[in-house]
Amino acid sequence: MTAHTVEYIRYLIPEQQSAQFLAAYNRAAVHLAAAPQCVDYELARSEEDFEHFVLRITWTSTEDAAEGFRESELFTAFVAEVGPFAGSVEEMRHYKPTAVRGTGAAVPTLYAWAGGAEAFTRLTEVFYDKVLKDEVLAPVFEGLAAEHAARVASWFGEVFGGPPAYSETQGGHGHMVARHLGKGITEVQRRRWVNLLQDAADEAGLPTDAEFRSAFVAYAEWGTRLAVHFSAPDAVPPAEQPVPSWTWGAAPPYRG
């Protein structure tokens, strides 16, 4: 899969034209948003010098931007709005992301927001107690190892932004997938697993704010659907992959 391309366009707009410039981009943004080659975009204004603006557009690829968007009717409509400001462009370049990336401490990880290792330990203890008593799921987990809940707690912890305990002791995503091979998990069992996990989250005292729970349930849905896929009789195990890294859809108004 080709890595996304990030395009930066830097403008110098005289103060007396800034209102017209912003209005033009508000109209032009409709055409960017409609482009299947556009991942996201943002227009920022300098705090130090109000005449400087930077437009950032993430494209699915450089080729898609050049051969897809620029040859489309959407580009024609886009240029019709912002073309009058083309002479104010100081720089226009395309960049490929590097491996240097991350989030800062201003936004907590899901792991930290949930309460860290203790919270996920409580979660899995409550959850597997429910699972072993459930008529739908108990047969799937027959002969469950005593340390299973602790392993899953470390998995959840790493997925949601905590320390790489699972990777260091068990392996990556491939190891977790291998635990489901040949299990023949049904949709009824998958749905029960997700429902019991949410019940366990309530009983274990995990945060109930909409932002955390939406991200938490999104992972449960994603992970269990993969489990069903790889539990099928003809499933082919994936190549070795790292533990997935899950984060906010929308972070809560966090204050440290």
C-alpha atoms as a PDB file:
ATOM      1  CA  MET A   1       0.000   0.000   0.000  1.00  0.00           C
ATOM      2  CA  THR A   2       1.397   3.416  -1.023  1.00  0.00           C
ATOM      3  CA  ALA A   3       2.008   5.844   1.813  1.00  0.00           C
ATOM      4  CA  HIS A   4      -0.059   8.996   1.890  1.00  0.00           C
ATOM      5  CA  THR A   5       1.399  12.255   0.585  1.00  0.00           C
ATOM      6  CA  VAL A   6       1.123  15.523   2.482  1.00  0.00           C
ATOM      7  CA  GLU A   7       0.988  18.708   0.400  1.00  0.00           C
ATOM      8  CA  TYR A   8       1.777  22.100   1.927  1.00  0.00           C
ATOM      9  CA  ILE A   9       0.889  25.361   0.187  1.00  0.00           C
ATOM     10  CA  ARG A  10       2.165  28.527   1.853  1.00  0.00           C
ATOM     11  CA  TYR A  11       0.446  31.830   1.071  1.00  0.00           C
ATOM     12  CA  LEU A  12       1.276  35.467   1.765  1.00  0.00           C
ATOM     13  CA  ILE A  13      -2.081  37.271   1.782  1.00  0.00           C
ATOM     14  CA  PRO A  14      -2.251  41.034   2.418  1.00  0.00           C
ATOM     15  CA  GLU A  15      -4.309  41.815   5.504  1.00  0.00           C
ATOM     16  CA  GLN A  16      -6.959  43.632   3.492  1.00  0.00           C
ATOM     17  CA  GLN A  17      -7.537  40.479   1.382  1.00  0.00           C
ATOM     18  CA  SER A  18      -7.637  37.925   4.218  1.00  0.00           C
ATOM     19  CA  ALA A  19     -11.435  37.951   4.601  1.00  0.00           C
ATOM     20  CA  GLN A  20     -11.919  37.254   0.885  1.00  0.00           C
ATOM     21  CA  PHE A  21      -9.199  34.583   0.992  1.00  0.00           C
ATOM     22  CA  LEU A  22     -10.818  32.741   3.906  1.00  0.00           C
ATOM     23  CA  ALA A  23     -14.242  32.989   2.303  1.00  0.00           C
ATOM     24  CA  ALA A  24     -12.842  31.563  -0.938  1.00  0.00           C
ATOM     25  CA  TYR A  25     -11.298  28.619   0.875  1.00  0.00           C
ATOM     26  CA  ASN A  26     -14.491  27.947   2.790  1.00  0.00           C
ATOM     27  CA  ARG A  27     -16.201  27.543  -0.575  1.00  0.00           C
ATOM     28  CA  ALA A  28     -13.308  25.630  -2.165  1.00  0.00           C
ATOM     29  CA  ALA A  29     -13.144  23.189   0.758  1.00  0.00           C
ATOM     30  CA  VAL A  30     -16.403  21.635  -0.423  1.00  0.00           C
ATOM     31  CA  HIS A  31     -14.617  20.398  -3.532  1.00  0.00           C
ATOM     32  CA  LEU A  32     -11.645  19.067  -1.563  1.00  0.00           C
ATOM     33  CA  ALA A  33     -13.957  17.206   0.782  1.00  0.00           C
ATOM     34  CA  ALA A  34     -15.708  15.595  -2.187  1.00  0.00           C
ATOM     35  CA  ALA A  35     -12.461  14.357  -3.769  1.00  0.00           C
ATOM     36  CA  PRO A  36     -11.884  10.611  -3.242  1.00  0.00           C
ATOM     37  CA  GLN A  37      -8.135  11.282  -3.387  1.00  0.00           C
ATOM     38  CA  CYS A  38      -8.269  13.673  -0.396  1.00  0.00           C
ATOM     39  CA  VAL A  39      -7.787  12.165   3.076  1.00  0.00           C
ATOM     40  CA  ASP A  40      -8.021  15.402   5.053  1.00  0.00           C
ATOM     41  CA  TYR A  41      -7.099  19.090   4.875  1.00  0.00           C
ATOM     42  CA  GLU A  42      -6.549  22.109   7.116  1.00  0.00           C
ATOM     43  CA  LEU A  43      -5.893  25.795   6.535  1.00  0.00           C
ATOM     44  CA  ALA A  44      -3.868  27.442   9.310  1.00  0.00           C
ATOM     45  CA  ARG A  45      -3.000  31.090   9.912  1.00  0.00           C
ATOM     46  CA  SER A  46       0.218  32.359  11.451  1.00  0.00           C
ATOM     47  CA  GLU A  47      -0.062  33.696  14.988  1.00  0.00           C
ATOM     48  CA  GLU A  48       3.036  35.883  14.554  1.00  0.00           C
ATOM     49  CA  ASP A  49       2.204  37.305  11.132  1.00  0.00           C
ATOM     50  CA  PHE A  50      -1.461  37.289  10.153  1.00  0.00           C
ATOM     51  CA  GLU A  51      -0.576  37.588   6.465  1.00  0.00           C
ATOM     52  CA  HIS A  52       0.873  34.049   6.312  1.00  0.00           C
ATOM     53  CA  PHE A  53      -1.368  31.020   5.758  1.00  0.00           C
ATOM     54  CA  VAL A  54      -0.488  27.344   5.267  1.00  0.00           C
ATOM     55  CA  LEU A  55      -2.816  24.853   3.620  1.00  0.00           C
ATOM     56  CA  ARG A  56      -2.146  21.199   4.441  1.00  0.00           C
ATOM     57  CA  ILE A  57      -3.759  18.502   2.307  1.00  0.00           C
ATOM     58  CA  THR A  58      -3.225  14.776   2.841  1.00  0.00           C
ATOM     59  CA  TRP A  59      -3.600  12.867  -0.430  1.00  0.00           C
ATOM     60  CA  THR A  60      -3.913   9.135  -0.920  1.00  0.00           C
ATOM     61  CA  SER A  61      -0.765   9.472  -3.075  1.00  0.00           C
ATOM     62  CA  THR A  62       1.100  12.052  -5.143  1.00  0.00           C
ATOM     63  CA  GLU A  63      -0.100  10.318  -8.300  1.00  0.00           C
ATOM     64  CA  ASP A  64      -3.717  10.427  -7.142  1.00  0.00           C
ATOM     65  CA  ALA A  65      -3.434  14.159  -6.497  1.00  0.00           C
ATOM     66  CA  ALA A  66      -1.836  14.861  -9.883  1.00  0.00           C
ATOM     67  CA  GLU A  67      -3.673  12.389 -12.112  1.00  0.00           C
ATOM     68  CA  GLY A  68      -6.921  12.040 -10.189  1.00  0.00           C
ATOM     69  CA  PHE A  69      -7.883  15.289  -8.517  1.00  0.00           C
ATOM     70  CA  ARG A  70      -6.132  17.679 -10.901  1.00  0.00           C
ATOM     71  CA  GLU A  71      -7.786  16.091 -13.923  1.00  0.00           C
ATOM     72  CA  SER A  72     -11.254  16.147 -12.388  1.00  0.00           C
ATOM     73  CA  GLU A  73     -14.131  18.605 -12.477  1.00  0.00           C
ATOM     74  CA  LEU A  74     -13.665  19.056  -8.739  1.00  0.00           C
ATOM     75  CA  PHE A  75     -10.250  20.595  -9.358  1.00  0.00           C
ATOM     76  CA  THR A  76     -11.731  22.986 -11.895  1.00  0.00           C
ATOM     77  CA  ALA A  77     -14.313  24.090  -9.337  1.00  0.00           C
ATOM     78  CA  PHE A  78     -11.649  24.315  -6.633  1.00  0.00           C
ATOM     79  CA  VAL A  79      -9.412  26.551  -8.768  1.00  0.00           C
ATOM     80  CA  ALA A  80     -12.362  28.743  -9.696  1.00  0.00           C
ATOM     81  CA  GLU A  81     -12.595  29.713  -6.020  1.00  0.00           C
ATOM     82  CA  VAL A  82      -8.924  30.019  -5.004  1.00  0.00           C
ATOM     83  CA  GLY A  83      -7.309  30.736  -8.379  1.00  0.00           C
ATOM     84  CA  PRO A  84      -7.344  34.520  -7.819  1.00  0.00           C
ATOM     85  CA  PHE A  85      -4.862  33.948  -4.968  1.00  0.00           C
ATOM     86  CA  ALA A  86      -2.402  31.824  -6.985  1.00  0.00           C
ATOM     87  CA  GLY A  87      -0.015  34.756  -7.246  1.00  0.00           C
ATOM     88  CA  SER A  88       0.220  34.820  -3.439  1.00  0.00           C
ATOM     89  CA  VAL A  89       1.634  31.273  -3.221  1.00  0.00           C
ATOM     90  CA  GLU A  90       5.157  31.370  -1.764  1.00  0.00           C
ATOM     91  CA  GLU A  91       5.749  27.623  -1.677  1.00  0.00           C
ATOM     92  CA  MET A  92       4.008  24.422  -2.734  1.00  0.00           C
ATOM     93  CA  ARG A  93       5.627  21.070  -1.918  1.00  0.00           C
ATOM     94  CA  HIS A  94       4.687  17.434  -1.390  1.00  0.00           C
ATOM     95  CA  TYR A  95       6.082  15.384   1.508  1.00  0.00           C
ATOM     96  CA  LYS A  96       6.095  11.711   2.470  1.00  0.00           C
ATOM     97  CA  PRO A  97       5.597  10.956   6.198  1.00  0.00           C
ATOM     98  CA  THR A  98       8.517   9.395   8.057  1.00  0.00           C
ATOM     99  CA  ALA A  99       8.519   6.923  10.943  1.00  0.00           C
ATOM    100  CA  VAL A 100       8.965   9.810  13.406  1.00  0.00           C
ATOM    101  CA  ARG A 101       5.459  10.370  14.678  1.00  0.00           C
ATOM    102  CA  GLY A 102       3.380  10.161  17.835  1.00  0.00           C
ATOM    103  CA  THR A 103       1.088  12.076  20.152  1.00  0.00           C
ATOM    104  CA  GLY A 104       2.010  14.340  23.010  1.00  0.00           C
ATOM    105  CA  ALA A 105       1.056  14.215  26.649  1.00  0.00           C
ATOM    106  CA  ALA A 106      -1.607  16.897  26.165  1.00  0.00           C
ATOM    107  CA  VAL A 107      -3.939  14.089  25.056  1.00  0.00           C
ATOM    108  CA  PRO A 108      -3.834  11.018  27.329  1.00  0.00           C
ATOM    109  CA  THR A 109      -3.757   7.529  25.885  1.00  0.00           C
ATOM    110  CA  LEU A 110      -6.868   5.413  26.211  1.00  0.00           C
ATOM    111  CA  TYR A 111      -4.789   3.271  28.578  1.00  0.00           C
ATOM    112  CA  ALA A 112      -4.093   6.203  30.906  1.00  0.00           C
ATOM    113  CA  TRP A 113      -7.649   7.528  30.694  1.00  0.00           C
ATOM    114  CA  ALA A 114      -9.024   4.109  31.648  1.00  0.00           C
ATOM    115  CA  GLY A 115      -6.826   3.890  34.738  1.00  0.00           C
ATOM    116  CA  GLY A 116      -3.773   1.948  33.562  1.00  0.00           C
ATOM    117  CA  ALA A 117      -2.854  -1.661  34.253  1.00  0.00           C
ATOM    118  CA  GLU A 118      -5.098  -2.014  37.306  1.00  0.00           C
ATOM    119  CA  ALA A 119      -8.166  -1.040  35.302  1.00  0.00           C
ATOM    120  CA  PHE A 120      -7.518  -3.585  32.560  1.00  0.00           C
ATOM    121  CA  THR A 121      -6.740  -6.286  35.106  1.00  0.00           C
ATOM    122  CA  ARG A 122     -10.114  -5.646  36.769  1.00  0.00           C
ATOM    123  CA  LEU A 123     -11.776  -5.644  33.371  1.00  0.00           C
ATOM    124  CA  THR A 124     -10.462  -9.027  32.259  1.00  0.00           C
ATOM    125  CA  GLU A 125     -11.051 -10.676  35.645  1.00  0.00           C
ATOM    126  CA  VAL A 126     -14.700  -9.595  35.609  1.00  0.00           C
ATOM    127  CA  PHE A 127     -15.059 -10.407  31.925  1.00  0.00           C
ATOM    128  CA  TYR A 128     -13.728 -13.961  32.014  1.00  0.00           C
ATOM    129  CA  ASP A 129     -15.761 -14.716  35.112  1.00  0.00           C
ATOM    130  CA  LYS A 130     -18.809 -13.847  33.010  1.00  0.00           C
ATOM    131  CA  VAL A 131     -17.535 -15.755  29.967  1.00  0.00           C
ATOM    132  CA  LEU A 132     -17.065 -19.009  31.856  1.00  0.00           C
ATOM    133  CA  LYS A 133     -20.630 -18.810  33.149  1.00  0.00           C
ATOM    134  CA  ASP A 134     -22.161 -17.940  29.790  1.00  0.00           C
ATOM    135  CA  GLU A 135     -23.841 -20.762  27.873  1.00  0.00           C
ATOM    136  CA  VAL A 136     -22.877 -19.250  24.489  1.00  0.00           C
ATOM    137  CA  LEU A 137     -19.207 -18.560  25.201  1.00  0.00           C
ATOM    138  CA  ALA A 138     -18.231 -21.129  27.814  1.00  0.00           C
ATOM    139  CA  PRO A 139     -17.720 -23.901  25.201  1.00  0.00           C
ATOM    140  CA  VAL A 140     -15.279 -21.674  23.277  1.00  0.00           C
ATOM    141  CA  PHE A 141     -13.146 -21.113  26.372  1.00  0.00           C
ATOM    142  CA  GLU A 142     -13.250 -24.620  27.804  1.00  0.00           C
ATOM    143  CA  GLY A 143      -9.970 -25.433  29.550  1.00  0.00           C
ATOM    144  CA  LEU A 144      -9.027 -21.769  29.870  1.00  0.00           C
ATOM    145  CA  ALA A 145      -5.538 -21.311  31.317  1.00  0.00           C
ATOM    146  CA  ALA A 146      -5.373 -19.579  34.691  1.00  0.00           C
ATOM    147  CA  GLU A 147      -3.123 -16.860  33.286  1.00  0.00           C
ATOM    148  CA  HIS A 148      -5.355 -16.110  30.273  1.00  0.00           C
ATOM    149  CA  ALA A 149      -7.091 -13.076  31.810  1.00  0.00           C
ATOM    150  CA  ALA A 150      -3.746 -11.516  32.717  1.00  0.00           C
ATOM    151  CA  ARG A 151      -2.443 -12.016  29.182  1.00  0.00           C
ATOM    152  CA  VAL A 152      -5.508 -10.398  27.675  1.00  0.00           C
ATOM    153  CA  ALA A 153      -5.159  -7.517  30.142  1.00  0.00           C
ATOM    154  CA  SER A 154      -1.630  -6.923  28.867  1.00  0.00           C
ATOM    155  CA  TRP A 155      -2.925  -7.140  25.288  1.00  0.00           C
ATOM    156  CA  PHE A 156      -5.630  -4.555  25.933  1.00  0.00           C
ATOM    157  CA  GLY A 157      -3.139  -2.362  27.757  1.00  0.00           C
ATOM    158  CA  GLU A 158      -0.729  -2.325  24.823  1.00  0.00           C
ATOM    159  CA  VAL A 159      -3.462  -1.858  22.218  1.00  0.00           C
ATOM    160  CA  PHE A 160      -4.799   1.181  24.064  1.00  0.00           C
ATOM    161  CA  GLY A 161      -1.437   2.898  24.431  1.00  0.00           C
ATOM    162  CA  GLY A 162       0.164   1.263  27.465  1.00  0.00           C
ATOM    163  CA  PRO A 163       3.549  -0.481  27.793  1.00  0.00           C
ATOM    164  CA  PRO A 164       4.461  -3.219  25.251  1.00  0.00           C
ATOM    165  CA  ALA A 165       4.032  -6.003  27.794  1.00  0.00           C
ATOM    166  CA  TYR A 166       2.236  -8.349  25.418  1.00  0.00           C
ATOM    167  CA  SER A 167       4.759  -7.901  22.627  1.00  0.00           C
ATOM    168  CA  GLU A 168       7.655  -8.513  24.996  1.00  0.00           C
ATOM    169  CA  THR A 169       6.225 -11.679  26.553  1.00  0.00           C
ATOM    170  CA  GLN A 170       3.930 -13.193  23.892  1.00  0.00           C
ATOM    171  CA  GLY A 171       4.645 -11.685  20.485  1.00  0.00           C
ATOM    172  CA  GLY A 172       2.798  -9.452  18.045  1.00  0.00           C
ATOM    173  CA  HIS A 173      -0.605  -9.476  16.418  1.00  0.00           C
ATOM    174  CA  GLY A 174       0.159 -12.755  14.667  1.00  0.00           C
ATOM    175  CA  HIS A 175       0.448 -14.513  18.009  1.00  0.00           C
ATOM    176  CA  MET A 176      -2.976 -13.286  19.095  1.00  0.00           C
ATOM    177  CA  VAL A 177      -4.502 -14.244  15.740  1.00  0.00           C
ATOM    178  CA  ALA A 178      -3.022 -17.750  16.047  1.00  0.00           C
ATOM    179  CA  ARG A 179      -5.017 -18.270  19.245  1.00  0.00           C
ATOM    180  CA  HIS A 180      -8.215 -18.149  17.154  1.00  0.00           C
ATOM    181  CA  LEU A 181      -7.266 -20.404  14.248  1.00  0.00           C
ATOM    182  CA  GLY A 182      -9.691 -23.268  13.760  1.00  0.00           C
ATOM    183  CA  LYS A 183     -12.079 -22.114  16.491  1.00  0.00           C
ATOM    184  CA  GLY A 184     -15.005 -21.583  14.123  1.00  0.00           C
ATOM    185  CA  ILE A 185     -16.350 -18.590  16.049  1.00  0.00           C
ATOM    186  CA  THR A 186     -19.921 -17.687  15.097  1.00  0.00           C
ATOM    187  CA  GLU A 187     -21.498 -14.256  14.780  1.00  0.00           C
ATOM    188  CA  VAL A 188     -23.701 -15.040  17.793  1.00  0.00           C
ATOM    189  CA  GLN A 189     -20.606 -15.784  19.881  1.00  0.00           C
ATOM    190  CA  ARG A 190     -18.820 -12.701  18.616  1.00  0.00           C
ATOM    191  CA  ARG A 191     -21.742 -10.460  19.509  1.00  0.00           C
ATOM    192  CA  ARG A 192     -22.062 -12.021  22.961  1.00  0.00           C
ATOM    193  CA  TRP A 193     -18.319 -11.433  23.537  1.00  0.00           C
ATOM    194  CA  VAL A 194     -18.701  -7.737  22.723  1.00  0.00           C
ATOM    195  CA  ASN A 195     -21.785  -7.379  24.910  1.00  0.00           C
ATOM    196  CA  LEU A 196     -20.194  -9.119  27.898  1.00  0.00           C
ATOM    197  CA  LEU A 197     -17.069  -6.987  27.519  1.00  0.00           C
ATOM    198  CA  GLN A 198     -19.190  -3.840  27.772  1.00  0.00           C
ATOM    199  CA  ASP A 199     -20.964  -5.228  30.844  1.00  0.00           C
ATOM    200  CA  ALA A 200     -17.590  -6.043  32.383  1.00  0.00           C
ATOM    201  CA  ALA A 201     -16.344  -2.530  31.646  1.00  0.00           C
ATOM    202  CA  ASP A 202     -19.287  -1.147  33.605  1.00  0.00           C
ATOM    203  CA  GLU A 203     -18.709  -3.452  36.569  1.00  0.00           C
ATOM    204  CA  ALA A 204     -14.949  -2.875  36.553  1.00  0.00           C
ATOM    205  CA  GLY A 205     -15.449   0.886  36.718  1.00  0.00           C
ATOM    206  CA  LEU A 206     -13.914   1.867  33.393  1.00  0.00           C
ATOM    207  CA  PRO A 207     -14.737   5.417  32.257  1.00  0.00           C
ATOM    208  CA  THR A 208     -18.236   5.884  30.894  1.00  0.00           C
ATOM    209  CA  ASP A 209     -17.693   9.086  28.891  1.00  0.00           C
ATOM    210  CA  ALA A 210     -18.866   8.834  25.305  1.00  0.00           C
ATOM    211  CA  GLU A 211     -15.422   9.429  23.819  1.00  0.00           C
ATOM    212  CA  PHE A 212     -13.726   6.578  25.692  1.00  0.00           C
ATOM    213  CA  ARG A 213     -16.554   4.102  25.263  1.00  0.00           C
ATOM    214  CA  SER A 214     -16.903   4.778  21.546  1.00  0.00           C
ATOM    215  CA  ALA A 215     -13.195   4.047  21.034  1.00  0.00           C
ATOM    216  CA  PHE A 216     -13.336   1.034  23.360  1.00  0.00           C
ATOM    217  CA  VAL A 217     -16.311  -0.513  21.587  1.00  0.00           C
ATOM    218  CA  ALA A 218     -14.847   0.315  18.172  1.00  0.00           C
ATOM    219  CA  TYR A 219     -11.802  -1.787  19.018  1.00  0.00           C
ATOM    220  CA  ALA A 220     -13.967  -4.616  20.363  1.00  0.00           C
ATOM    221  CA  GLU A 221     -15.938  -4.658  17.115  1.00  0.00           C
ATOM    222  CA  TRP A 222     -12.803  -4.527  14.949  1.00  0.00           C
ATOM    223  CA  GLY A 223     -10.931  -7.162  16.919  1.00  0.00           C
ATOM    224  CA  THR A 224     -13.793  -9.631  17.207  1.00  0.00           C
ATOM    225  CA  ARG A 225     -14.603  -9.423  13.515  1.00  0.00           C
ATOM    226  CA  LEU A 226     -10.990 -10.285  12.741  1.00  0.00           C
ATOM    227  CA  ALA A 227     -11.219 -13.154  15.223  1.00  0.00           C
ATOM    228  CA  VAL A 228     -14.248 -14.564  13.394  1.00  0.00           C
ATOM    229  CA  HIS A 229     -12.436 -14.225  10.063  1.00  0.00           C
ATOM    230  CA  PHE A 230      -9.288 -15.993  11.222  1.00  0.00           C
ATOM    231  CA  SER A 231     -11.220 -18.699  13.052  1.00  0.00           C
ATOM    232  CA  ALA A 232     -12.803 -19.929   9.815  1.00  0.00           C
ATOM    233  CA  PRO A 233     -11.663 -23.343   8.512  1.00  0.00           C
ATOM    234  CA  ASP A 234      -9.987 -21.924   5.393  1.00  0.00           C
ATOM    235  CA  ALA A 235      -8.388 -18.892   7.071  1.00  0.00           C
ATOM    236  CA  VAL A 236      -4.797 -18.080   6.191  1.00  0.00           C
ATOM    237  CA  PRO A 237      -2.772 -16.611   9.078  1.00  0.00           C
ATOM    238  CA  PRO A 238      -1.433 -13.122   8.343  1.00  0.00           C
ATOM    239  CA  ALA A 239       2.248 -12.281   8.188  1.00  0.00           C
ATOM    240  CA  GLU A 240       3.756 -11.238  11.497  1.00  0.00           C
ATOM    241  CA  GLN A 241       2.420  -7.843  12.488  1.00  0.00           C
ATOM    242  CA  PRO A 242       2.858  -5.575  15.499  1.00  0.00           C
ATOM    243  CA  VAL A 243       0.157  -5.232  18.131  1.00  0.00           C
ATOM    244  CA  PRO A 244      -2.377  -2.698  16.798  1.00  0.00           C
ATOM    245  CA  SER A 245      -2.334   0.761  18.301  1.00  0.00           C
ATOM    246  CA  TRP A 246      -5.794   2.134  19.093  1.00  0.00           C
ATOM    247  CA  THR A 247      -6.551   5.726  19.956  1.00  0.00           C
ATOM    248  CA  TRP A 248      -9.345   8.251  20.244  1.00  0.00           C
ATOM    249  CA  GLY A 249     -11.912   8.944  17.602  1.00  0.00           C
ATOM    250  CA  ALA A 250     -12.463  12.221  19.424  1.00  0.00           C
ATOM    251  CA  ALA A 251     -10.540  12.917  22.616  1.00  0.00           C
ATOM    252  CA  PRO A 252     -12.422  14.205  25.663  1.00  0.00           C
ATOM    253  CA  PRO A 253     -11.814  17.743  26.968  1.00  0.00           C
ATOM    254  CA  TYR A 254      -8.894  16.528  29.048  1.00  0.00           C
ATOM    255  CA  ARG A 255      -7.157  18.689  31.628  1.00  0.00           C
ATOM    256  CA  GLY A 256      -4.069  17.291  33.281  1.00  0.00           C
END
